[in-house]
Protein backbone atom coordinates (compact mmCIF):
# COMPACT_ATOMS: atom_id res chain seq x y z
CA MET A 1 39.58 4.41 23.08
CA LEU A 2 39.82 4.91 26.85
CA ARG A 3 36.93 7.42 26.77
CA ALA A 4 34.70 4.94 24.92
CA LEU A 5 35.51 2.27 27.49
CA ALA A 6 34.66 4.64 30.35
CA ILE A 7 31.32 5.53 28.71
CA ALA A 8 30.50 1.85 28.19
CA VAL A 9 31.27 1.07 31.84
CA CYS A 10 29.01 3.96 32.98
CA LEU A 11 26.13 2.80 30.78
CA ILE A 12 26.40 -0.78 31.99
CA ALA A 13 26.49 0.31 35.64
CA THR A 14 23.59 2.78 35.30
CA PRO A 15 19.96 1.56 35.49
CA VAL A 16 18.12 1.65 32.16
CA ALA A 17 15.52 4.11 33.50
CA ALA A 18 18.22 6.63 34.39
CA GLN A 19 19.97 6.18 31.03
CA GLN A 20 16.76 7.10 29.21
CA GLY A 21 16.04 10.10 31.44
CA PHE A 22 13.16 8.50 33.33
CA VAL A 23 12.06 9.77 36.73
CA CYS A 24 10.41 7.19 38.97
CA VAL A 25 8.54 7.46 42.26
CA GLU A 26 7.35 4.75 44.60
CA THR A 27 3.82 5.87 45.50
CA ASP A 28 0.76 7.61 44.07
CA ASP A 29 1.21 10.32 46.70
CA ASP A 30 4.75 11.04 45.45
CA MET A 31 3.45 11.31 41.87
CA GLN A 32 0.59 13.62 42.91
CA GLU A 33 3.01 15.84 44.84
CA GLN A 34 5.26 16.16 41.76
CA MET A 35 2.29 17.04 39.57
CA ALA A 36 0.96 19.62 42.05
CA GLN A 37 4.35 21.36 41.90
CA HIS A 38 3.88 21.63 38.12
CA SER A 39 0.22 22.73 38.35
CA GLU A 40 -1.02 19.62 36.54
CA MET A 41 -4.11 17.69 37.62
CA LEU A 42 -5.05 14.06 37.07
CA GLN A 43 -7.28 13.75 34.00
CA PHE A 44 -7.65 9.98 33.88
CA VAL A 45 -6.06 6.63 34.69
CA GLY A 46 -6.11 4.01 31.95
CA VAL A 47 -4.77 0.60 31.13
CA ASN A 48 -3.47 -0.47 27.72
CA LYS A 49 -4.18 -3.79 26.00
CA LEU A 50 -1.06 -5.30 27.61
CA GLY A 51 -2.23 -4.44 31.12
CA GLN A 52 0.15 -1.54 31.74
CA ILE A 53 -1.38 1.28 33.80
CA PHE A 54 -1.01 4.93 32.70
CA PHE A 55 -1.80 8.16 34.59
CA VAL A 56 -2.48 11.23 32.45
CA TYR A 57 -2.06 14.66 34.04
CA SER A 58 -2.47 18.05 32.40
CA GLY A 59 -2.31 21.73 33.17
CA LEU A 60 -3.34 24.73 31.11
CA SER A 61 -0.61 24.21 28.53
CA THR A 62 1.35 21.06 29.44
CA PHE A 63 0.73 17.36 30.03
CA THR A 64 2.57 14.47 31.67
CA VAL A 65 1.98 10.74 31.28
CA TRP A 66 3.17 8.36 34.01
CA PHE A 67 3.29 4.57 33.65
CA VAL A 68 3.61 1.73 36.14
CA ARG A 69 6.55 -0.61 35.55
CA SER A 70 6.37 -4.33 36.28
CA ASP A 71 8.33 -3.75 39.52
CA GLY A 72 5.65 -1.30 40.71
CA ALA A 73 7.66 1.91 40.20
CA ILE A 74 5.67 4.79 38.69
CA CYS A 75 7.75 6.52 36.00
CA THR A 76 7.75 9.29 33.43
CA GLY A 77 10.35 10.64 31.05
CA PRO A 78 11.04 13.16 28.29
CA MET A 79 8.93 11.34 25.69
CA TYR A 80 5.96 11.38 28.10
CA LEU A 81 5.91 15.18 28.56
CA GLY A 82 4.41 17.66 26.15
CA ASP A 83 2.40 20.72 25.27
CA VAL A 84 -1.41 20.74 25.13
CA LEU A 85 -2.61 21.65 21.65
CA LYS A 86 -6.37 21.22 22.08
CA THR A 87 -8.73 20.25 24.88
CA GLY A 88 -12.23 18.81 24.97
CA HIS A 89 -13.90 15.48 24.46
CA PRO A 90 -14.56 14.19 20.94
CA ALA A 91 -18.24 13.90 20.04
């Protein structure tokens, strides 16, 4: 019972982004520096139908998607990382 209470207190006191394993940076330069360390290059920047901006980076075998939160932070997380299966533009 005490352990469950301690876990609940930690979750309430921890920002949602950290709870979900998100990593956030404040500037484009910070994001580009992180991607350069992982040998991934910017492929494109897009915006979804709700107006949220996404940055898509990829390397030879991996990719990372970053998104801009409403507070301006640029974030990524485990569900935005993956392995490249195929490259090329559809005809």
